[in-house]
Structure formats: C-alpha cells, structure tokens
C-alpha cells in the first residue's frame, strides 16, 4: 500500500510503516507548505492513503472528490513516541477505511 504522511507528522514516523508499505513524506517530496486542496489533488490516485494530524481537514475540504483514504492520527501529545504508538491502530484501520472520508485513529 502506498502511504503519504503530511508535513504535520514527524518525518521519522515513515520508518514505522516500512518495509511493509511504500511510504513518502510531504517534506521529503518538497511539498511542504502546499495547501491542502492542492496537496490532495497531487496525491489522489497516486497514493492509497494520506495520513495527517490535521483534525480540521474534513471541515476544510470536500474529501469525496479524492480517490484516497484519509487517516487522521490524533495522539494525546504530538511526540514521535505517541505517533509511533498509534501505528498498529492505523495499520488495522487501513483495510476497511473508506475513500473520500476521514478515519480518526486516537489514543
């Protein structure tokens, strides 16, 4: 599965999904600062899932326009350790997560 992590997630989180998934990070692609609508357009159809920490994304974008699963990772604190602790829940949610909607994974 091809995953892409938003700039609001730690770059080092990529390693937690490898090697079982093909993972990119917005920052590594040089897309840091690209607005959400443009970013979603770039990744829709090229990735299977977009992982983000943006809890407002579903209120700011019409996600049904994109061929993409959106997972919002919502830990209690925004530390690498807390995001890593959510990885098993994200992996469990991915197969059944609907495209064009938000699936929230939290502690």
Protein backbone atom coordinates (compact mmCIF):
# COMPACT_ATOMS: atom_id res chain seq x y z
CA UNK A 1 0.00 0.00 0.00
CA UNK A 2 1.31 3.47 -0.87
CA UNK A 3 1.09 5.90 2.02
CA UNK A 4 1.97 9.56 2.27
CA UNK A 5 2.44 11.43 5.54
CA UNK A 6 1.50 15.07 5.93
CA UNK A 7 4.04 17.69 6.99
CA UNK A 8 2.42 17.89 10.44
CA UNK A 9 3.56 14.33 11.18
CA UNK A 10 7.18 13.60 12.15
CA UNK A 11 9.39 12.63 9.20
CA UNK A 12 10.87 9.83 11.32
CA UNK A 13 7.42 8.23 11.52
CA UNK A 14 7.96 6.93 7.97
CA UNK A 15 10.21 4.17 9.33
CA UNK A 16 7.37 2.82 11.47
CA UNK A 17 5.40 1.87 8.33
CA UNK A 18 8.31 0.42 6.36
CA UNK A 19 9.11 -2.06 4.86
CA UNK A 20 5.57 -3.43 4.68
CA UNK A 21 4.33 -0.25 2.95
CA UNK A 22 5.72 2.17 0.39
CA UNK A 23 5.80 5.44 2.35
CA UNK A 24 6.60 9.05 1.42
CA UNK A 25 6.55 12.22 3.47
CA UNK A 26 5.33 15.55 2.12
CA UNK A 27 8.52 17.26 3.31
CA UNK A 28 10.80 14.75 1.56
CA UNK A 29 8.94 15.35 -1.70
CA UNK A 30 9.48 19.11 -1.43
CA UNK A 31 5.78 19.76 -0.95
CA UNK A 32 6.00 21.40 2.47
CA UNK A 33 3.72 24.43 2.53
CA UNK A 34 1.47 23.19 -0.31
CA UNK A 35 -2.14 23.99 0.60
CA UNK A 36 -4.37 21.03 1.49
CA UNK A 37 -6.55 21.22 -1.63
CA UNK A 38 -3.56 21.29 -3.96
CA UNK A 39 -1.80 18.59 -1.94
CA UNK A 40 -4.81 16.26 -2.02
CA UNK A 41 -5.06 16.79 -5.78
CA UNK A 42 -1.41 15.83 -6.23
CA UNK A 43 -1.66 12.65 -4.20
CA UNK A 44 -5.15 11.44 -5.15
CA UNK A 45 -4.81 8.41 -7.38
CA UNK A 46 -1.06 8.21 -6.76
CA UNK A 47 -1.26 7.06 -3.15
CA UNK A 48 -3.70 4.79 -1.35
CA UNK A 49 -3.81 6.74 1.91
CA UNK A 50 -2.97 10.16 3.28
CA UNK A 51 -2.01 10.24 6.96
CA UNK A 52 -2.29 13.56 8.74
CA UNK A 53 -2.58 15.13 12.16
CA UNK A 54 -4.99 17.81 10.87
CA UNK A 55 -8.22 17.26 12.77
CA UNK A 56 -9.93 20.07 10.82
CA UNK A 57 -9.21 18.66 7.35
CA UNK A 58 -12.67 17.13 6.96
CA UNK A 59 -14.26 20.54 7.63
CA UNK A 60 -11.96 22.38 5.22
CA UNK A 61 -12.00 20.06 2.20
CA UNK A 62 -14.57 18.08 0.23
CA UNK A 63 -12.80 14.75 0.64
CA UNK A 64 -15.30 12.86 -1.53
CA UNK A 65 -13.57 14.46 -4.55
CA UNK A 66 -10.40 12.47 -3.92
CA UNK A 67 -9.61 8.82 -4.62
CA UNK A 68 -7.86 8.48 -1.31
CA UNK A 69 -8.22 7.12 2.21
CA UNK A 70 -7.60 9.83 4.80
CA UNK A 71 -6.44 8.80 8.26
CA UNK A 72 -6.19 11.44 10.98
CA UNK A 73 -3.71 10.43 13.66
CA UNK A 74 -4.74 12.05 16.94
CA UNK A 75 -2.44 11.24 19.88
CA UNK A 76 -2.71 12.89 23.28
CA UNK A 77 0.61 14.66 22.70
CA UNK A 78 2.35 15.38 19.40
CA UNK A 79 5.51 13.42 20.10
CA UNK A 80 7.14 10.84 17.87
CA UNK A 81 6.62 8.17 20.54
CA UNK A 82 2.88 8.84 20.70
CA UNK A 83 2.54 8.78 16.91
CA UNK A 84 4.51 5.52 16.75
CA UNK A 85 2.18 4.04 19.38
CA UNK A 86 -0.76 4.74 17.01
CA UNK A 87 0.81 2.89 14.06
CA UNK A 88 -0.75 -0.52 14.88
CA UNK A 89 -4.19 1.13 15.03
CA UNK A 90 -3.58 2.87 11.71
CA UNK A 91 -2.50 -0.39 10.08
CA UNK A 92 -5.61 -2.11 11.43
CA UNK A 93 -7.86 0.71 10.16
CA UNK A 94 -6.41 1.00 6.65
CA UNK A 95 -8.03 -2.06 5.01
CA UNK A 96 -11.57 -1.02 5.94
CA UNK A 97 -11.21 2.76 5.80
CA UNK A 98 -13.48 4.35 3.18
CA UNK A 99 -12.09 6.55 0.43
CA UNK A 100 -13.26 10.15 0.41
CA UNK A 101 -13.86 10.29 4.15
CA UNK A 102 -11.84 10.70 7.32
CA UNK A 103 -10.99 7.87 9.65
CA UNK A 104 -9.71 9.07 13.01
CA UNK A 105 -7.22 6.97 14.96
CA UNK A 106 -6.59 8.16 18.50
CA UNK A 107 -5.19 7.02 21.82
